[in-house]
Protein backbone atom coordinates (compact mmCIF):
# COMPACT_ATOMS: atom_id res chain seq x y z
CA UNK A 1 -21.85 9.16 14.60
CA UNK A 2 -19.43 9.04 17.51
CA UNK A 3 -15.66 9.21 16.96
CA UNK A 4 -14.13 6.59 19.23
CA UNK A 5 -10.43 7.00 18.50
CA UNK A 6 -7.83 7.44 15.73
CA UNK A 7 -5.07 4.86 16.10
CA UNK A 8 -1.73 5.94 14.64
CA UNK A 9 -0.21 3.89 11.86
CA UNK A 10 2.98 4.46 9.87
CA UNK A 11 1.10 4.92 6.60
CA UNK A 12 -1.54 7.49 7.64
CA UNK A 13 0.31 10.45 6.16
CA UNK A 14 -2.81 12.03 4.62
CA UNK A 15 -5.75 10.66 6.57
CA UNK A 16 -6.22 8.97 9.88
CA UNK A 17 -8.02 5.69 10.41
CA UNK A 18 -10.87 6.76 12.63
CA UNK A 19 -12.92 4.24 14.54
CA UNK A 20 -16.51 5.41 14.66
CA UNK A 21 -19.80 4.13 16.04
CA UNK A 22 -23.19 4.98 14.59
CA UNK A 23 -25.91 5.58 17.16
CA UNK A 24 -29.65 5.84 16.47
CA UNK A 25 -29.15 5.32 12.75
CA UNK A 26 -32.29 4.56 10.76
CA UNK A 27 -31.55 2.55 7.63
CA UNK A 28 -33.63 0.27 5.41
CA UNK A 29 -32.49 -3.34 5.47
CA UNK A 30 -31.90 -3.35 1.70
CA UNK A 31 -29.37 -0.51 2.11
CA UNK A 32 -27.19 -2.41 4.61
CA UNK A 33 -23.94 -4.12 3.73
CA UNK A 34 -24.27 -7.44 5.49
CA UNK A 35 -26.27 -7.70 8.67
CA UNK A 36 -26.25 -5.98 12.01
CA UNK A 37 -22.91 -6.66 13.69
CA UNK A 38 -21.28 -7.93 10.48
CA UNK A 39 -19.06 -4.88 9.91
CA UNK A 40 -15.95 -6.59 11.23
CA UNK A 41 -16.43 -9.52 8.83
CA UNK A 42 -16.69 -7.08 5.90
CA UNK A 43 -13.59 -5.26 7.11
CA UNK A 44 -11.57 -8.49 7.29
CA UNK A 45 -12.42 -9.24 3.65
CA UNK A 46 -11.40 -5.72 2.61
CA UNK A 47 -8.10 -6.03 4.47
CA UNK A 48 -7.21 -9.17 2.51
CA UNK A 49 -7.61 -7.23 -0.75
CA UNK A 50 -5.66 -4.24 0.63
CA UNK A 51 -2.80 -6.45 1.81
CA UNK A 52 -2.58 -8.12 -1.58
CA UNK A 53 -2.48 -4.73 -3.27
CA UNK A 54 0.29 -3.52 -0.94
CA UNK A 55 2.27 -6.72 -1.62
CA UNK A 56 1.87 -6.26 -5.38
CA UNK A 57 3.04 -2.64 -5.20
CA UNK A 58 6.03 -3.64 -3.09
CA UNK A 59 6.98 -6.47 -5.44
CA UNK A 60 6.64 -4.14 -8.44
CA UNK A 61 8.86 -1.53 -6.77
CA UNK A 62 11.49 -4.12 -5.89
CA UNK A 63 11.46 -5.50 -9.44
CA UNK A 64 11.89 -2.01 -10.88
CA UNK A 65 14.73 -1.23 -8.45
CA UNK A 66 16.51 -4.47 -9.41
CA UNK A 67 16.13 -3.64 -13.11
CA UNK A 68 17.47 -0.10 -12.62
CA UNK A 69 20.46 -1.30 -10.61
CA UNK A 70 21.20 -4.07 -13.10
CA UNK A 71 21.15 -1.57 -15.97
CA UNK A 72 23.37 0.82 -14.01
CA UNK A 73 25.83 -1.94 -13.21
CA UNK A 74 25.94 -3.06 -16.83
CA UNK A 75 26.58 0.49 -18.06
CA UNK A 76 29.37 0.99 -15.51
CA UNK A 77 30.86 -2.37 -16.48
CA UNK A 78 30.78 -1.52 -20.18
CA UNK A 79 32.48 1.84 -19.49
CA UNK A 80 35.21 0.10 -17.50
CA UNK A 81 35.83 -2.36 -20.33
CA UNK A 82 36.54 0.38 -22.89
CA UNK A 83 40.21 0.91 -23.76
CA UNK A 84 41.80 3.93 -22.19
CA UNK A 85 44.40 6.11 -23.82
CA UNK A 86 46.93 8.13 -21.85
CA UNK A 87 46.61 11.89 -22.07
CA UNK A 88 49.96 13.35 -23.28
């Protein structure tokens, strides 16, 4: 296995995304994912799933943030609506 490069991305805080090439690898055909030269096609399918997962996480985080801010605003509003008595 030859390490070609490790492109830098914003989200690679724990691991890099190494590009590697396998040389002189002996593998039975029934152990292969796809055919020879089909790795990029498999990667494109995986990226679709990963992008959907990232979008779902982002939407979930935004929904939660909206709910928290709405609850905070409502609690501040209800405090402001309470009658106040002067301190003598």
